[in-house]
């Protein structure tokens, strides 16, 4: 929700604002321009005015009246990504999202998030299988497990305590050094990123900072040989019912280069990653050919003109 610039707004209120924002966006993407509205003929007709529609929205947080100035794309609404695993975040993602980002350290933890998101999708009347759940994973590749662990430690040692503190404050609004290291995290309050705050419930400030230094927003890092990492990723996808993995590089470009050069060929050999990209839109690559537009159970479809 930080993308809305609402750091000082209460957590639940921010999601109410985001719901209102999505209603405006859906009206603009789906209700303004019909897919064949553009004419662009040699006689100077740019668009058929009968196929470009005015929208009117007066919500609790946003108002918009008039015509969108962007013609319809082959997808209509862009593919909608959401991140945030708090209860309110899961409901928002299940309602509006198409790809959901999650983070966790174990297959059991990730599986719990996936199940909760799909249950929310059913609650709001959407197909749970249409939501693609993707877990963020960081990897450190070495010729051996020991080499990868040494490389991982060098990366962590390059981060100063000040960077750790600033990073945590950026995500949560909490300045942890201002509190005693033995202060329970439950005694602190912030409206930003409830996912990153609730994950440290039951811990002390000092412990939370140490773990943030090790992981940041990520779960546990996978370190080992390329074969070990390929094994772990395939197992994680299967056990947690994931639709994909989002690579979280620890350093760039080295983390991405290592993964592409050493791990990706193994995943391709196992049939776990494509060898070439299909034709069509991003949504069709996610949901299959013929699914370029929002699915019929998405709330944005109710604003579609035809």
C-alpha atoms as a PDB file:
ATOM      1  CA  UNK A   1       0.000   0.000   0.000  1.00  0.00           C
ATOM      2  CA  UNK A   2       2.994   2.327   0.218  1.00  0.00           C
ATOM      3  CA  UNK A   3       2.546   2.879  -3.516  1.00  0.00           C
ATOM      4  CA  UNK A   4      -0.448   5.065  -2.683  1.00  0.00           C
ATOM      5  CA  UNK A   5       1.687   7.355  -0.521  1.00  0.00           C
ATOM      6  CA  UNK A   6      -0.466   6.778   2.528  1.00  0.00           C
ATOM      7  CA  UNK A   7       2.127   6.206   5.223  1.00  0.00           C
ATOM      8  CA  UNK A   8       0.313   8.296   7.840  1.00  0.00           C
ATOM      9  CA  UNK A   9      -3.094   6.697   7.243  1.00  0.00           C
ATOM     10  CA  UNK A  10      -4.379   3.890   9.435  1.00  0.00           C
ATOM     11  CA  UNK A  11      -3.844   0.399   8.065  1.00  0.00           C
ATOM     12  CA  UNK A  12      -7.512  -0.502   7.553  1.00  0.00           C
ATOM     13  CA  UNK A  13      -8.301   2.965   6.199  1.00  0.00           C
ATOM     14  CA  UNK A  14      -5.560   2.566   3.620  1.00  0.00           C
ATOM     15  CA  UNK A  15      -7.194  -0.567   2.304  1.00  0.00           C
ATOM     16  CA  UNK A  16     -10.569   1.202   2.208  1.00  0.00           C
ATOM     17  CA  UNK A  17      -8.886   3.933   0.159  1.00  0.00           C
ATOM     18  CA  UNK A  18      -7.293   1.314  -2.073  1.00  0.00           C
ATOM     19  CA  UNK A  19     -10.700  -0.332  -2.667  1.00  0.00           C
ATOM     20  CA  UNK A  20     -12.052   3.056  -3.725  1.00  0.00           C
ATOM     21  CA  UNK A  21      -9.030   3.655  -5.942  1.00  0.00           C
ATOM     22  CA  UNK A  22      -9.496   0.267  -7.633  1.00  0.00           C
ATOM     23  CA  UNK A  23     -13.123   1.098  -8.404  1.00  0.00           C
ATOM     24  CA  UNK A  24     -12.021   4.264 -10.214  1.00  0.00           C
ATOM     25  CA  UNK A  25      -9.268   2.374 -12.036  1.00  0.00           C
ATOM     26  CA  UNK A  26     -11.624  -0.419 -13.098  1.00  0.00           C
ATOM     27  CA  UNK A  27     -14.070   2.133 -14.480  1.00  0.00           C
ATOM     28  CA  UNK A  28     -11.297   3.821 -16.466  1.00  0.00           C
ATOM     29  CA  UNK A  29      -9.755   0.592 -17.762  1.00  0.00           C
ATOM     30  CA  UNK A  30     -12.954  -1.304 -18.501  1.00  0.00           C
ATOM     31  CA  UNK A  31     -15.693   1.313 -18.901  1.00  0.00           C
ATOM     32  CA  UNK A  32     -14.214   4.102 -21.003  1.00  0.00           C
ATOM     33  CA  UNK A  33     -12.830   2.780 -24.259  1.00  0.00           C
ATOM     34  CA  UNK A  34     -14.352  -0.130 -26.117  1.00  0.00           C
ATOM     35  CA  UNK A  35     -11.741  -2.453 -27.673  1.00  0.00           C
ATOM     36  CA  UNK A  36     -12.503  -1.274 -31.231  1.00  0.00           C
ATOM     37  CA  UNK A  37     -12.980   2.430 -30.434  1.00  0.00           C
ATOM     38  CA  UNK A  38      -9.828   3.522 -32.282  1.00  0.00           C
ATOM     39  CA  UNK A  39     -10.401   4.330 -35.972  1.00  0.00           C
ATOM     40  CA  UNK A  40      -7.279   6.255 -37.035  1.00  0.00           C
ATOM     41  CA  UNK A  41      -8.295   6.516 -40.686  1.00  0.00           C
ATOM     42  CA  UNK A  42      -6.821   8.761 -43.382  1.00  0.00           C
ATOM     43  CA  UNK A  43      -9.731  11.182 -43.115  1.00  0.00           C
ATOM     44  CA  UNK A  44      -8.636  12.360 -39.697  1.00  0.00           C
ATOM     45  CA  UNK A  45     -10.999  10.313 -37.506  1.00  0.00           C
ATOM     46  CA  UNK A  46      -9.034   9.181 -34.477  1.00  0.00           C
ATOM     47  CA  UNK A  47     -11.753   7.375 -32.523  1.00  0.00           C
ATOM     48  CA  UNK A  48     -15.446   6.585 -32.731  1.00  0.00           C
ATOM     49  CA  UNK A  49     -17.028   8.874 -30.114  1.00  0.00           C
ATOM     50  CA  UNK A  50     -19.898   6.431 -29.636  1.00  0.00           C
ATOM     51  CA  UNK A  51     -17.391   3.926 -28.290  1.00  0.00           C
ATOM     52  CA  UNK A  52     -15.616   6.236 -25.852  1.00  0.00           C
ATOM     53  CA  UNK A  53     -17.621   6.632 -22.668  1.00  0.00           C
ATOM     54  CA  UNK A  54     -17.647   9.040 -19.782  1.00  0.00           C
ATOM     55  CA  UNK A  55     -17.193   7.740 -16.255  1.00  0.00           C
ATOM     56  CA  UNK A  56     -18.502   9.318 -13.085  1.00  0.00           C
ATOM     57  CA  UNK A  57     -17.220   8.326  -9.677  1.00  0.00           C
ATOM     58  CA  UNK A  58     -17.815   9.910  -6.299  1.00  0.00           C
ATOM     59  CA  UNK A  59     -16.385   7.603  -3.673  1.00  0.00           C
ATOM     60  CA  UNK A  60     -15.459   8.166  -0.032  1.00  0.00           C
ATOM     61  CA  UNK A  61     -11.856   9.021  -1.011  1.00  0.00           C
ATOM     62  CA  UNK A  62     -11.682   9.623  -4.769  1.00  0.00           C
ATOM     63  CA  UNK A  63     -13.742  11.484  -7.351  1.00  0.00           C
ATOM     64  CA  UNK A  64     -13.347  11.279 -11.107  1.00  0.00           C
ATOM     65  CA  UNK A  65     -15.560  12.628 -13.878  1.00  0.00           C
ATOM     66  CA  UNK A  66     -14.898  12.570 -17.586  1.00  0.00           C
ATOM     67  CA  UNK A  67     -13.201  10.421 -20.192  1.00  0.00           C
ATOM     68  CA  UNK A  68     -10.042   8.419 -19.845  1.00  0.00           C
ATOM     69  CA  UNK A  69      -7.292   9.644 -22.183  1.00  0.00           C
ATOM     70  CA  UNK A  70      -5.753   6.211 -22.783  1.00  0.00           C
ATOM     71  CA  UNK A  71      -7.226   3.899 -25.392  1.00  0.00           C
ATOM     72  CA  UNK A  72      -7.984   0.273 -24.555  1.00  0.00           C
ATOM     73  CA  UNK A  73      -5.100  -2.165 -24.748  1.00  0.00           C
ATOM     74  CA  UNK A  74      -5.444  -5.817 -25.817  1.00  0.00           C
ATOM     75  CA  UNK A  75      -5.714  -6.671 -22.098  1.00  0.00           C
ATOM     76  CA  UNK A  76      -8.116  -3.907 -21.069  1.00  0.00           C
ATOM     77  CA  UNK A  77      -7.107  -3.604 -17.432  1.00  0.00           C
ATOM     78  CA  UNK A  78      -3.414  -4.405 -16.903  1.00  0.00           C
ATOM     79  CA  UNK A  79      -2.529  -7.548 -14.982  1.00  0.00           C
ATOM     80  CA  UNK A  80      -3.017  -6.660 -11.316  1.00  0.00           C
ATOM     81  CA  UNK A  81      -0.302  -7.618  -8.827  1.00  0.00           C
ATOM     82  CA  UNK A  82      -0.700  -7.425  -5.044  1.00  0.00           C
ATOM     83  CA  UNK A  83       1.644  -7.966  -2.113  1.00  0.00           C
ATOM     84  CA  UNK A  84       0.746  -8.096   1.567  1.00  0.00           C
ATOM     85  CA  UNK A  85      -0.126 -11.065   3.748  1.00  0.00           C
ATOM     86  CA  UNK A  86      -2.024  -9.429   6.600  1.00  0.00           C
ATOM     87  CA  UNK A  87      -5.682 -10.468   6.896  1.00  0.00           C
ATOM     88  CA  UNK A  88      -6.817  -7.211   5.295  1.00  0.00           C
ATOM     89  CA  UNK A  89      -4.154  -7.517   2.618  1.00  0.00           C
ATOM     90  CA  UNK A  90      -5.288 -11.045   1.737  1.00  0.00           C
ATOM     91  CA  UNK A  91      -8.878  -9.874   1.341  1.00  0.00           C
ATOM     92  CA  UNK A  92      -7.802  -6.981  -0.887  1.00  0.00           C
ATOM     93  CA  UNK A  93      -5.608  -9.245  -3.011  1.00  0.00           C
ATOM     94  CA  UNK A  94      -8.267 -11.921  -3.359  1.00  0.00           C
ATOM     95  CA  UNK A  95     -10.778  -9.291  -4.450  1.00  0.00           C
ATOM     96  CA  UNK A  96      -8.730  -7.272  -6.921  1.00  0.00           C
ATOM     97  CA  UNK A  97      -5.464  -9.113  -7.596  1.00  0.00           C
ATOM     98  CA  UNK A  98      -4.489 -11.604 -10.234  1.00  0.00           C
ATOM     99  CA  UNK A  99      -0.921 -12.328  -9.132  1.00  0.00           C
ATOM    100  CA  UNK A 100      -0.268 -12.373  -5.390  1.00  0.00           C
ATOM    101  CA  UNK A 101       3.240 -12.037  -3.968  1.00  0.00           C
ATOM    102  CA  UNK A 102       3.950 -13.787  -0.660  1.00  0.00           C
ATOM    103  CA  UNK A 103       7.042 -14.447   1.422  1.00  0.00           C
ATOM    104  CA  UNK A 104       7.958 -17.126   3.927  1.00  0.00           C
ATOM    105  CA  UNK A 105      10.742 -19.411   5.073  1.00  0.00           C
ATOM    106  CA  UNK A 106       9.155 -22.861   4.882  1.00  0.00           C
ATOM    107  CA  UNK A 107       6.783 -24.773   2.642  1.00  0.00           C
ATOM    108  CA  UNK A 108       4.365 -25.040   5.574  1.00  0.00           C
ATOM    109  CA  UNK A 109       4.347 -21.287   6.139  1.00  0.00           C
ATOM    110  CA  UNK A 110       3.907 -20.518   2.454  1.00  0.00           C
ATOM    111  CA  UNK A 111       1.205 -23.164   2.101  1.00  0.00           C
ATOM    112  CA  UNK A 112      -0.738 -21.477   4.897  1.00  0.00           C
ATOM    113  CA  UNK A 113      -0.648 -18.161   3.048  1.00  0.00           C
ATOM    114  CA  UNK A 114      -1.676 -19.799  -0.227  1.00  0.00           C
ATOM    115  CA  UNK A 115      -4.619 -21.595   1.393  1.00  0.00           C
ATOM    116  CA  UNK A 116      -5.772 -18.415   3.144  1.00  0.00           C
ATOM    117  CA  UNK A 117      -5.646 -16.420  -0.105  1.00  0.00           C
ATOM    118  CA  UNK A 118      -7.567 -19.043  -2.064  1.00  0.00           C
ATOM    119  CA  UNK A 119     -10.176 -19.278   0.716  1.00  0.00           C
ATOM    120  CA  UNK A 120     -10.584 -15.495   0.572  1.00  0.00           C
ATOM    121  CA  UNK A 121     -11.063 -15.743  -3.205  1.00  0.00           C
ATOM    122  CA  UNK A 122     -13.955 -18.142  -2.723  1.00  0.00           C
ATOM    123  CA  UNK A 123     -15.455 -15.830  -0.093  1.00  0.00           C
ATOM    124  CA  UNK A 124     -15.516 -12.879  -2.509  1.00  0.00           C
ATOM    125  CA  UNK A 125     -16.876 -14.990  -5.367  1.00  0.00           C
ATOM    126  CA  UNK A 126     -13.751 -15.558  -7.430  1.00  0.00           C
ATOM    127  CA  UNK A 127     -12.152 -18.683  -8.864  1.00  0.00           C
ATOM    128  CA  UNK A 128      -9.301 -19.530  -6.445  1.00  0.00           C
ATOM    129  CA  UNK A 129      -7.316 -21.207  -9.211  1.00  0.00           C
ATOM    130  CA  UNK A 130      -7.365 -18.026 -11.310  1.00  0.00           C
ATOM    131  CA  UNK A 131      -5.238 -16.242  -8.701  1.00  0.00           C
ATOM    132  CA  UNK A 132      -1.569 -16.961  -9.315  1.00  0.00           C
ATOM    133  CA  UNK A 133       0.398 -17.020  -6.054  1.00  0.00           C
ATOM    134  CA  UNK A 134       4.122 -16.339  -6.348  1.00  0.00           C
ATOM    135  CA  UNK A 135       6.641 -16.612  -3.516  1.00  0.00           C
ATOM    136  CA  UNK A 136       9.676 -14.383  -3.233  1.00  0.00           C
ATOM    137  CA  UNK A 137      12.857 -16.416  -2.793  1.00  0.00           C
ATOM    138  CA  UNK A 138      16.484 -15.315  -2.414  1.00  0.00           C
ATOM    139  CA  UNK A 139      19.281 -17.696  -3.384  1.00  0.00           C
ATOM    140  CA  UNK A 140      23.058 -17.733  -3.095  1.00  0.00           C
ATOM    141  CA  UNK A 141      24.728 -20.130  -5.525  1.00  0.00           C
ATOM    142  CA  UNK A 142      28.130 -21.734  -4.975  1.00  0.00           C
ATOM    143  CA  UNK A 143      30.039 -24.739  -6.231  1.00  0.00           C
ATOM    144  CA  UNK A 144      29.351 -26.318  -2.826  1.00  0.00           C
ATOM    145  CA  UNK A 145      27.060 -25.577   0.120  1.00  0.00           C
ATOM    146  CA  UNK A 146      30.054 -24.335   2.125  1.00  0.00           C
ATOM    147  CA  UNK A 147      31.146 -21.926  -0.602  1.00  0.00           C
ATOM    148  CA  UNK A 148      27.611 -20.568  -0.947  1.00  0.00           C
ATOM    149  CA  UNK A 149      27.356 -20.037   2.816  1.00  0.00           C
ATOM    150  CA  UNK A 150      30.657 -18.123   2.845  1.00  0.00           C
ATOM    151  CA  UNK A 151      29.454 -15.958  -0.018  1.00  0.00           C
ATOM    152  CA  UNK A 152      26.165 -15.336   1.802  1.00  0.00           C
ATOM    153  CA  UNK A 153      28.025 -14.278   4.967  1.00  0.00           C
ATOM    154  CA  UNK A 154      30.168 -11.816   3.021  1.00  0.00           C
ATOM    155  CA  UNK A 155      27.020 -10.243   1.588  1.00  0.00           C
ATOM    156  CA  UNK A 156      25.438  -9.881   5.045  1.00  0.00           C
ATOM    157  CA  UNK A 157      28.644  -8.491   6.580  1.00  0.00           C
ATOM    158  CA  UNK A 158      28.667  -5.702   4.004  1.00  0.00           C
ATOM    159  CA  UNK A 159      25.425  -4.310   5.499  1.00  0.00           C
ATOM    160  CA  UNK A 160      25.962  -1.932   8.417  1.00  0.00           C
ATOM    161  CA  UNK A 161      23.623  -1.748  11.441  1.00  0.00           C
ATOM    162  CA  UNK A 162      22.522   1.693  10.266  1.00  0.00           C
ATOM    163  CA  UNK A 163      21.360   0.253   6.964  1.00  0.00           C
ATOM    164  CA  UNK A 164      19.388  -2.443   8.794  1.00  0.00           C
ATOM    165  CA  UNK A 165      17.660   0.131  10.995  1.00  0.00           C
ATOM    166  CA  UNK A 166      16.869   2.429   8.075  1.00  0.00           C
ATOM    167  CA  UNK A 167      15.522  -0.440   5.995  1.00  0.00           C
ATOM    168  CA  UNK A 168      13.157  -1.555   8.768  1.00  0.00           C
ATOM    169  CA  UNK A 169      11.930   2.022   9.250  1.00  0.00           C
ATOM    170  CA  UNK A 170      11.330   2.382   5.513  1.00  0.00           C
ATOM    171  CA  UNK A 171       8.982  -0.604   5.456  1.00  0.00           C
ATOM    172  CA  UNK A 172       7.246  -0.173   8.805  1.00  0.00           C
ATOM    173  CA  UNK A 173       7.678   3.409  10.010  1.00  0.00           C
ATOM    174  CA  UNK A 174       9.237   2.061  13.237  1.00  0.00           C
ATOM    175  CA  UNK A 175      12.569   3.445  14.422  1.00  0.00           C
ATOM    176  CA  UNK A 176      13.633   0.455  16.490  1.00  0.00           C
ATOM    177  CA  UNK A 177      16.874   1.872  17.975  1.00  0.00           C
ATOM    178  CA  UNK A 178      14.731   4.439  19.773  1.00  0.00           C
ATOM    179  CA  UNK A 179      13.370   1.551  21.832  1.00  0.00           C
ATOM    180  CA  UNK A 180      15.131  -0.673  24.331  1.00  0.00           C
ATOM    181  CA  UNK A 181      16.303  -3.937  22.682  1.00  0.00           C
ATOM    182  CA  UNK A 182      14.323  -5.885  25.299  1.00  0.00           C
ATOM    183  CA  UNK A 183      11.053  -4.112  24.421  1.00  0.00           C
ATOM    184  CA  UNK A 184       8.406  -6.601  23.208  1.00  0.00           C
ATOM    185  CA  UNK A 185       7.387  -5.939  19.626  1.00  0.00           C
ATOM    186  CA  UNK A 186       3.728  -6.115  20.751  1.00  0.00           C
ATOM    187  CA  UNK A 187       4.206  -2.817  22.582  1.00  0.00           C
ATOM    188  CA  UNK A 188       5.033  -0.975  19.339  1.00  0.00           C
ATOM    189  CA  UNK A 189       2.460   0.271  16.877  1.00  0.00           C
ATOM    190  CA  UNK A 190       2.595   1.445  13.277  1.00  0.00           C
ATOM    191  CA  UNK A 191       0.147   1.698  10.402  1.00  0.00           C
ATOM    192  CA  UNK A 192       2.560   0.641   7.645  1.00  0.00           C
ATOM    193  CA  UNK A 193       3.246  -2.888   6.421  1.00  0.00           C
ATOM    194  CA  UNK A 194       1.374  -5.023   8.922  1.00  0.00           C
ATOM    195  CA  UNK A 195       2.895  -8.107   7.266  1.00  0.00           C
ATOM    196  CA  UNK A 196       6.379  -7.064   8.383  1.00  0.00           C
ATOM    197  CA  UNK A 197       5.219  -6.146  11.894  1.00  0.00           C
ATOM    198  CA  UNK A 198       3.123  -9.208  12.720  1.00  0.00           C
ATOM    199  CA  UNK A 199       5.918 -11.577  11.634  1.00  0.00           C
ATOM    200  CA  UNK A 200       7.893 -10.469  14.713  1.00  0.00           C
ATOM    201  CA  UNK A 201       5.100 -10.840  17.244  1.00  0.00           C
ATOM    202  CA  UNK A 202       6.306 -12.592  20.398  1.00  0.00           C
ATOM    203  CA  UNK A 203       9.862 -11.306  19.923  1.00  0.00           C
ATOM    204  CA  UNK A 204      11.935  -8.489  21.357  1.00  0.00           C
ATOM    205  CA  UNK A 205      13.171  -5.460  19.430  1.00  0.00           C
ATOM    206  CA  UNK A 206      16.778  -6.682  19.465  1.00  0.00           C
ATOM    207  CA  UNK A 207      15.815 -10.079  18.055  1.00  0.00           C
ATOM    208  CA  UNK A 208      13.635  -8.482  15.374  1.00  0.00           C
ATOM    209  CA  UNK A 209      16.521  -6.297  14.210  1.00  0.00           C
ATOM    210  CA  UNK A 210      18.919  -9.233  14.064  1.00  0.00           C
ATOM    211  CA  UNK A 211      16.490 -11.223  11.946  1.00  0.00           C
ATOM    212  CA  UNK A 212      15.796  -8.211   9.735  1.00  0.00           C
ATOM    213  CA  UNK A 213      19.552  -7.916   9.156  1.00  0.00           C
ATOM    214  CA  UNK A 214      19.611 -11.550   8.020  1.00  0.00           C
ATOM    215  CA  UNK A 215      16.444 -11.540   5.912  1.00  0.00           C
ATOM    216  CA  UNK A 216      14.934  -8.101   5.363  1.00  0.00           C
ATOM    217  CA  UNK A 217      11.465  -8.610   3.874  1.00  0.00           C
ATOM    218  CA  UNK A 218      12.495 -12.057   2.643  1.00  0.00           C
ATOM    219  CA  UNK A 219      12.191 -15.475   4.172  1.00  0.00           C
ATOM    220  CA  UNK A 220      15.211 -17.703   4.701  1.00  0.00           C
ATOM    221  CA  UNK A 221      17.767 -17.541   1.898  1.00  0.00           C
ATOM    222  CA  UNK A 222      18.514 -20.739  -0.002  1.00  0.00           C
ATOM    223  CA  UNK A 223      22.264 -21.225  -0.257  1.00  0.00           C
ATOM    224  CA  UNK A 224      24.007 -24.164  -1.856  1.00  0.00           C
ATOM    225  CA  UNK A 225      25.008 -25.708  -5.146  1.00  0.00           C
ATOM    226  CA  UNK A 226      22.883 -25.132  -8.231  1.00  0.00           C
ATOM    227  CA  UNK A 227      21.531 -28.692  -7.951  1.00  0.00           C
ATOM    228  CA  UNK A 228      20.550 -28.170  -4.308  1.00  0.00           C
ATOM    229  CA  UNK A 229      18.762 -24.912  -5.064  1.00  0.00           C
ATOM    230  CA  UNK A 230      16.906 -26.427  -8.031  1.00  0.00           C
ATOM    231  CA  UNK A 231      15.784 -29.306  -5.787  1.00  0.00           C
ATOM    232  CA  UNK A 232      14.591 -26.917  -3.080  1.00  0.00           C
ATOM    233  CA  UNK A 233      12.676 -24.660  -5.474  1.00  0.00           C
ATOM    234  CA  UNK A 234      10.860 -27.563  -7.126  1.00  0.00           C
ATOM    235  CA  UNK A 235       9.984 -28.996  -3.725  1.00  0.00           C
ATOM    236  CA  UNK A 236       8.775 -25.622  -2.463  1.00  0.00           C
ATOM    237  CA  UNK A 237       6.479 -25.087  -5.434  1.00  0.00           C
ATOM    238  CA  UNK A 238       4.956 -28.539  -5.069  1.00  0.00           C
ATOM    239  CA  UNK A 239       4.510 -28.601  -1.289  1.00  0.00           C
ATOM    240  CA  UNK A 240       3.218 -25.042  -0.952  1.00  0.00           C
ATOM    241  CA  UNK A 241       0.925 -25.163  -4.016  1.00  0.00           C
ATOM    242  CA  UNK A 242       2.726 -22.186  -5.566  1.00  0.00           C
ATOM    243  CA  UNK A 243       2.248 -20.983  -9.122  1.00  0.00           C
ATOM    244  CA  UNK A 244       5.725 -19.532  -9.406  1.00  0.00           C
ATOM    245  CA  UNK A 245       8.824 -18.069  -7.822  1.00  0.00           C
ATOM    246  CA  UNK A 246       9.928 -14.432  -7.729  1.00  0.00           C
ATOM    247  CA  UNK A 247      13.708 -14.204  -7.528  1.00  0.00           C
ATOM    248  CA  UNK A 248      14.801 -11.705  -4.844  1.00  0.00           C
ATOM    249  CA  UNK A 249      18.431 -10.814  -5.664  1.00  0.00           C
ATOM    250  CA  UNK A 250      20.631 -10.068  -2.669  1.00  0.00           C
ATOM    251  CA  UNK A 251      23.089  -8.117  -4.817  1.00  0.00           C
ATOM    252  CA  UNK A 252      22.890  -7.082  -8.434  1.00  0.00           C
ATOM    253  CA  UNK A 253      23.788  -8.167 -11.002  1.00  0.00           C
ATOM    254  CA  UNK A 254      25.666 -11.061  -9.391  1.00  0.00           C
ATOM    255  CA  UNK A 255      22.650 -12.807  -7.824  1.00  0.00           C
ATOM    256  CA  UNK A 256      20.694 -12.788 -11.077  1.00  0.00           C
ATOM    257  CA  UNK A 257      23.677 -13.821 -13.194  1.00  0.00           C
ATOM    258  CA  UNK A 258      24.441 -16.769 -10.885  1.00  0.00           C
ATOM    259  CA  UNK A 259      20.834 -17.931 -11.012  1.00  0.00           C
ATOM    260  CA  UNK A 260      20.495 -17.598 -14.791  1.00  0.00           C
ATOM    261  CA  UNK A 261      23.807 -19.278 -15.559  1.00  0.00           C
ATOM    262  CA  UNK A 262      23.709 -22.127 -13.041  1.00  0.00           C
ATOM    263  CA  UNK A 263      20.188 -22.824 -11.723  1.00  0.00           C
ATOM    264  CA  UNK A 264      17.926 -21.947 -14.651  1.00  0.00           C
ATOM    265  CA  UNK A 265      19.374 -24.576 -17.029  1.00  0.00           C
ATOM    266  CA  UNK A 266      18.644 -27.277 -14.432  1.00  0.00           C
ATOM    267  CA  UNK A 267      15.057 -26.086 -14.014  1.00  0.00           C
ATOM    268  CA  UNK A 268      14.593 -26.130 -17.789  1.00  0.00           C
ATOM    269  CA  UNK A 269      16.027 -29.643 -18.022  1.00  0.00           C
ATOM    270  CA  UNK A 270      13.449 -30.765 -15.426  1.00  0.00           C
ATOM    271  CA  UNK A 271      10.591 -29.111 -17.292  1.00  0.00           C
ATOM    272  CA  UNK A 272      10.084 -26.649 -14.439  1.00  0.00           C
ATOM    273  CA  UNK A 273      10.742 -23.535 -16.531  1.00  0.00           C
ATOM    274  CA  UNK A 274       9.830 -22.594 -20.098  1.00  0.00           C
ATOM    275  CA  UNK A 275      12.391 -22.801 -22.882  1.00  0.00           C
ATOM    276  CA  UNK A 276      10.703 -19.997 -24.836  1.00  0.00           C
ATOM    277  CA  UNK A 277       7.932 -17.459 -24.329  1.00  0.00           C
ATOM    278  CA  UNK A 278       4.474 -18.007 -25.748  1.00  0.00           C
ATOM    279  CA  UNK A 279       2.680 -15.547 -27.984  1.00  0.00           C
ATOM    280  CA  UNK A 280      -0.052 -13.400 -26.480  1.00  0.00           C
ATOM    281  CA  UNK A 281      -0.480 -11.023 -23.580  1.00  0.00           C
ATOM    282  CA  UNK A 282       0.898 -11.394 -20.070  1.00  0.00           C
ATOM    283  CA  UNK A 283      -2.546 -12.401 -18.787  1.00  0.00           C
ATOM    284  CA  UNK A 284      -2.737 -15.132 -21.431  1.00  0.00           C
ATOM    285  CA  UNK A 285       0.665 -16.410 -20.363  1.00  0.00           C
ATOM    286  CA  UNK A 286      -0.680 -16.660 -16.834  1.00  0.00           C
ATOM    287  CA  UNK A 287      -4.178 -17.988 -17.536  1.00  0.00           C
ATOM    288  CA  UNK A 288      -3.879 -19.537 -20.995  1.00  0.00           C
ATOM    289  CA  UNK A 289      -4.738 -18.535 -24.593  1.00  0.00           C
ATOM    290  CA  UNK A 290      -7.994 -16.636 -25.033  1.00  0.00           C
ATOM    291  CA  UNK A 291      -7.816 -15.020 -21.589  1.00  0.00           C
ATOM    292  CA  UNK A 292      -6.443 -11.602 -22.534  1.00  0.00           C
ATOM    293  CA  UNK A 293      -9.121  -9.676 -20.614  1.00  0.00           C
ATOM    294  CA  UNK A 294     -10.115  -9.734 -16.956  1.00  0.00           C
ATOM    295  CA  UNK A 295     -11.951 -12.969 -16.048  1.00  0.00           C
ATOM    296  CA  UNK A 296     -15.708 -12.755 -15.619  1.00  0.00           C
ATOM    297  CA  UNK A 297     -15.547 -13.075 -11.819  1.00  0.00           C
ATOM    298  CA  UNK A 298     -13.285 -10.034 -11.365  1.00  0.00           C
ATOM    299  CA  UNK A 299     -15.090  -6.967  -9.935  1.00  0.00           C
ATOM    300  CA  UNK A 300     -13.753  -4.767 -12.727  1.00  0.00           C
ATOM    301  CA  UNK A 301     -15.803  -6.609 -15.334  1.00  0.00           C
ATOM    302  CA  UNK A 302     -19.048  -5.038 -14.120  1.00  0.00           C
ATOM    303  CA  UNK A 303     -17.894  -1.730 -15.592  1.00  0.00           C
ATOM    304  CA  UNK A 304     -17.185  -3.165 -19.028  1.00  0.00           C
ATOM    305  CA  UNK A 305     -19.253  -1.266 -21.575  1.00  0.00           C
ATOM    306  CA  UNK A 306     -19.944  -4.232 -23.827  1.00  0.00           C
END
